[in-house]
Protein backbone atom coordinates (compact mmCIF):
# COMPACT_ATOMS: atom_id res chain seq x y z
CA MET A 1 48.37 20.21 30.99
CA HIS A 2 46.03 17.75 32.72
CA VAL A 3 44.79 16.32 29.41
CA ASN A 4 48.13 14.79 28.34
CA PRO A 5 48.39 12.25 31.22
CA LYS A 6 44.82 11.16 30.47
CA LYS A 7 45.79 10.44 26.86
CA VAL A 8 48.74 8.32 27.98
CA VAL A 9 46.49 6.34 30.31
CA ARG A 10 43.92 5.82 27.52
CA ALA A 11 46.63 4.46 25.18
CA ASN A 12 46.08 0.96 26.57
CA PHE A 13 42.45 1.18 25.43
CA PHE A 14 43.57 1.07 21.80
CA ARG A 15 45.84 -1.92 22.29
CA GLY A 16 43.02 -4.46 21.99
CA LEU A 17 41.25 -2.85 19.02
CA ARG A 18 41.16 -4.85 15.83
CA PHE A 19 42.19 -3.32 12.54
CA SER A 20 39.56 -1.48 10.56
CA ILE A 21 39.90 -0.14 7.04
CA ALA A 22 38.23 3.05 8.29
CA TRP A 23 41.46 3.99 10.06
CA TRP A 24 42.69 5.31 6.71
CA ALA A 25 40.06 8.06 7.00
CA TYR A 26 42.13 9.67 9.76
CA THR A 27 45.18 10.10 7.53
CA PHE A 28 43.66 12.53 5.04
CA PRO A 29 42.68 15.32 7.50
CA MET A 30 46.01 14.95 9.27
CA ALA A 31 47.95 15.23 6.00
CA ALA A 32 45.80 18.19 4.92
CA ALA A 33 46.47 19.97 8.21
CA SER A 34 50.20 19.39 7.91
CA ILE A 35 50.27 20.63 4.29
CA ALA A 36 48.25 23.72 5.24
CA THR A 37 50.65 24.38 8.11
CA ILE A 38 53.62 24.04 5.75
CA HIS A 39 52.09 26.62 3.38
CA TYR A 40 51.31 28.91 6.31
CA SER A 41 54.87 28.66 7.60
CA GLU A 42 56.15 29.63 4.14
CA LYS A 43 54.01 32.78 4.19
CA VAL A 44 54.69 33.58 7.86
CA PRO A 45 58.29 32.52 8.52
CA CYS A 46 58.54 32.10 12.26
CA LEU A 47 60.17 29.51 14.46
CA ILE A 48 56.81 28.48 15.95
CA THR A 49 55.08 27.98 12.59
CA GLN A 50 58.06 26.10 11.16
CA GLY A 51 58.23 23.90 14.25
CA LEU A 52 54.50 23.23 14.09
CA ALA A 53 54.74 22.38 10.39
CA THR A 54 57.62 20.00 11.07
CA ALA A 55 55.84 18.34 13.99
CA LEU A 56 52.58 17.87 12.08
CA SER A 57 54.46 16.50 9.07
CA PHE A 58 56.26 13.92 11.20
CA LEU A 59 53.02 13.04 13.00
CA SER A 60 51.20 12.63 9.68
CA ALA A 61 53.98 10.48 8.25
CA ALA A 62 54.07 8.33 11.38
CA MET A 63 50.30 7.88 11.24
CA VAL A 64 50.34 6.81 7.59
CA PHE A 65 53.29 4.48 8.18
CA THR A 66 51.67 2.86 11.22
CA ILE A 67 48.35 2.32 9.46
CA PHE A 68 50.21 1.00 6.41
CA LEU A 69 52.00 -1.56 8.56
CA SER A 70 48.71 -2.53 10.22
CA THR A 71 47.11 -2.96 6.79
CA CYS A 72 49.99 -5.16 5.58
CA ARG A 73 49.83 -7.25 8.75
CA THR A 74 46.08 -7.69 8.38
CA CYS A 75 46.43 -8.71 4.72
CA ILE A 76 49.07 -11.29 5.62
CA LEU A 77 46.87 -12.73 8.38
CA ALA A 78 43.87 -12.79 5.97
CA ASP A 79 41.65 -11.07 8.52
CA PHE A 80 40.94 -7.93 6.54
CA PHE A 81 37.27 -7.32 7.40
CA PRO A 82 36.83 -8.71 10.93
CA ASN A 83 34.12 -6.28 12.02
CA ASP A 84 31.87 -6.63 8.98
CA VAL A 85 30.25 -10.05 8.81
CA ALA A 86 28.66 -9.36 5.42
CA ILE A 87 31.99 -8.92 3.63
CA ALA A 88 34.27 -10.88 5.93
CA ILE A 89 36.96 -12.82 4.12
CA THR A 90 37.55 -15.66 6.51
CA ARG A 91 36.98 -19.37 6.84
CA LYS A 92 35.97 -19.14 10.49
CA ARG A 93 32.28 -18.64 11.21
CA ARG A 94 31.64 -16.09 13.89
CA LYS A 95 29.21 -17.04 16.61
CA LEU A 96 26.25 -14.73 16.97
CA LYS A 97 25.51 -13.33 20.38
CA PRO A 98 22.33 -14.65 22.03
CA ASP A 99 20.57 -11.28 21.81
CA LEU A 100 21.31 -11.09 18.09
CA ILE A 101 19.95 -14.60 17.61
CA ARG A 102 16.72 -13.62 19.36
CA LYS A 103 16.39 -10.48 17.24
CA TYR A 104 17.01 -12.45 14.07
CA GLN A 105 14.45 -15.11 15.03
CA ARG A 106 11.90 -12.40 15.85
CA TYR A 107 12.58 -10.79 12.48
CA GLN A 108 12.01 -14.14 10.74
CA ARG A 109 8.71 -14.67 12.60
CA ILE A 110 7.51 -11.19 11.59
CA GLN A 111 8.48 -11.82 7.96
CA LYS A 112 6.66 -15.16 7.97
CA ARG A 113 3.57 -13.55 9.52
CA ASN A 114 3.61 -10.79 6.89
CA LYS A 115 3.85 -13.34 4.09
CA THR A 116 0.83 -15.23 5.42
CA ASN A 117 -1.13 -11.97 5.77
CA VAL A 118 -0.38 -11.06 2.17
CA ALA A 119 -1.34 -14.55 1.00
CA GLU A 120 -4.69 -14.28 2.81
CA LEU A 121 -5.45 -10.96 1.14
CA THR A 122 -4.85 -12.25 -2.38
């Protein structure tokens, strides 16, 4: 009973999250669970199993519908891959964080040093 209020409080955490194509991965297990519950309620006809099958079916449908709307919205806004810089489809350049810039510069120095070491050996 104490877990449900915590989930309601944590709902605001998800408000600021940007869309990710990986959200679709949550729909398959939910749909599979609802289909399995439907088959189970056909074999074991009981009010509880039928209610659970109905609830999971509605929850699965709501999840798919919500993610579908989020996908359509993201396609319209042309911000489909915001979290993946390598495949981002956008005209805006994202600014790198200072720690990432330092790591990248260090990586470049190491690569340059390795190239000179290889050139000296040949």
